[in-house]
Amino acid sequence: MHLLNTIVVGFKEIWAHKMRSLLTMLGIILGVASLVAMAALTKGMENSMKETMIAMGGADKVLVDEADVPPEQEHLANEYLDWIARFAGGKPQNIRQVLATARQ
């Protein structure tokens, strides 16, 4: 009987605060809808990319070449190396030496 009483009190509170309940339901519905929409867009973009790769001759036909960092993006590469150094507990100069050695 205690559970039934709790459910009745809950419905009375919902009925007493109609606007708050409506806005809460609207927020939940919009939040779930946005997650579903983002998942669908991501999946659609993935499928489109796969179809494009197949139309070009397959994923094994795409060639990726290493290129130097463009001058206008050099600061991003330096920030990334500094972040790696902080994360790994080393110095940025040591990280740069390791990367230079690995590229040879």
Protein backbone atom coordinates (compact mmCIF):
# COMPACT_ATOMS: atom_id res chain seq x y z
CA MET A 1 0.00 0.00 0.00
CA HIS A 2 2.95 2.29 0.64
CA LEU A 3 4.04 2.06 -3.04
CA LEU A 4 0.54 2.89 -4.27
CA ASN A 5 0.43 5.92 -1.96
CA THR A 6 3.81 7.12 -3.32
CA ILE A 7 2.60 6.82 -6.91
CA VAL A 8 -0.62 8.74 -6.13
CA VAL A 9 1.34 11.55 -4.42
CA GLY A 10 3.70 11.69 -7.41
CA PHE A 11 0.85 12.11 -9.88
CA LYS A 12 -0.73 14.78 -7.68
CA GLU A 13 2.55 16.72 -7.68
CA ILE A 14 2.82 16.42 -11.45
CA TRP A 15 -0.76 17.65 -11.83
CA ALA A 16 -0.16 20.51 -9.38
CA HIS A 17 2.88 21.75 -11.34
CA LYS A 18 1.70 21.32 -14.90
CA MET A 19 3.99 23.89 -16.52
CA ARG A 20 7.14 22.58 -14.80
CA SER A 21 6.18 19.02 -15.74
CA LEU A 22 5.52 20.04 -19.35
CA LEU A 23 8.86 21.83 -19.63
CA THR A 24 10.69 18.88 -18.09
CA MET A 25 9.09 16.45 -20.54
CA LEU A 26 9.86 18.80 -23.41
CA GLY A 27 13.52 18.99 -22.36
CA ILE A 28 13.80 15.22 -22.14
CA ILE A 29 12.10 14.71 -25.51
CA LEU A 30 14.29 17.32 -27.25
CA GLY A 31 17.44 15.92 -25.64
CA VAL A 32 16.73 12.38 -26.77
CA ALA A 33 15.69 13.58 -30.23
CA SER A 34 18.95 15.52 -30.63
CA LEU A 35 21.00 12.45 -29.66
CA VAL A 36 19.11 10.29 -32.15
CA ALA A 37 19.55 12.94 -34.87
CA MET A 38 23.30 13.22 -34.24
CA ALA A 39 23.69 9.44 -34.33
CA ALA A 40 21.77 9.28 -37.61
CA LEU A 41 23.82 12.09 -39.16
CA THR A 42 27.07 10.45 -38.11
CA LYS A 43 26.03 7.09 -39.51
CA GLY A 44 24.83 8.71 -42.74
CA MET A 45 28.12 10.56 -43.19
CA GLU A 46 30.03 7.35 -42.56
CA ASN A 47 27.99 5.46 -45.16
CA SER A 48 28.39 8.30 -47.65
CA MET A 49 32.14 8.30 -47.15
CA LYS A 50 32.32 4.53 -47.66
CA GLU A 51 30.26 4.79 -50.86
CA THR A 52 32.52 7.57 -52.13
CA MET A 53 35.62 5.50 -51.41
CA ILE A 54 34.12 2.51 -53.23
CA ALA A 55 33.18 4.72 -56.20
CA MET A 56 36.79 5.92 -56.42
CA GLY A 57 38.04 2.36 -56.62
CA GLY A 58 38.07 1.12 -53.05
CA ALA A 59 39.74 2.11 -49.83
CA ASP A 60 42.97 0.37 -50.87
CA LYS A 61 43.31 2.78 -53.81
CA VAL A 62 43.46 5.93 -51.66
CA LEU A 63 47.01 7.16 -51.16
CA VAL A 64 47.97 9.15 -48.09
CA ASP A 65 51.32 10.93 -48.16
CA GLU A 66 53.08 12.47 -45.21
CA ALA A 67 53.51 16.21 -45.60
CA ASP A 68 55.19 18.91 -43.57
CA VAL A 69 53.06 21.07 -41.32
CA PRO A 70 52.01 24.25 -43.17
CA PRO A 71 53.57 27.43 -41.73
CA GLU A 72 50.19 28.85 -40.73
CA GLN A 73 49.55 25.75 -38.61
CA GLU A 74 52.99 25.43 -37.06
CA HIS A 75 51.79 26.88 -33.75
CA LEU A 76 49.22 24.08 -33.50
CA ALA A 77 51.91 21.43 -33.90
CA ASN A 78 54.01 23.10 -31.20
CA GLU A 79 51.04 23.27 -28.82
CA TYR A 80 50.34 19.60 -29.49
CA LEU A 81 53.94 18.64 -28.75
CA ASP A 82 53.85 20.68 -25.54
CA TRP A 83 50.65 18.88 -24.53
CA ILE A 84 52.24 15.49 -25.22
CA ALA A 85 55.27 16.48 -23.17
CA ARG A 86 53.12 17.53 -20.22
CA PHE A 87 51.07 14.35 -20.48
CA ALA A 88 54.11 12.09 -20.76
CA GLY A 89 56.02 13.99 -18.09
CA GLY A 90 58.90 14.90 -20.38
CA LYS A 91 60.30 18.03 -21.98
CA PRO A 92 59.09 19.31 -25.37
CA GLN A 93 62.66 19.19 -26.72
CA ASN A 94 62.92 15.48 -25.91
CA ILE A 95 59.61 14.78 -27.62
CA ARG A 96 60.78 16.66 -30.72
CA GLN A 97 64.02 14.61 -30.78
CA VAL A 98 62.07 11.35 -30.52
CA LEU A 99 59.76 12.39 -33.34
CA ALA A 100 62.66 13.53 -35.54
CA THR A 101 64.42 10.21 -34.97
CA ALA A 102 61.25 8.23 -35.71
CA ARG A 103 60.73 10.00 -39.05
CA GLN A 104 64.19 8.98 -40.31
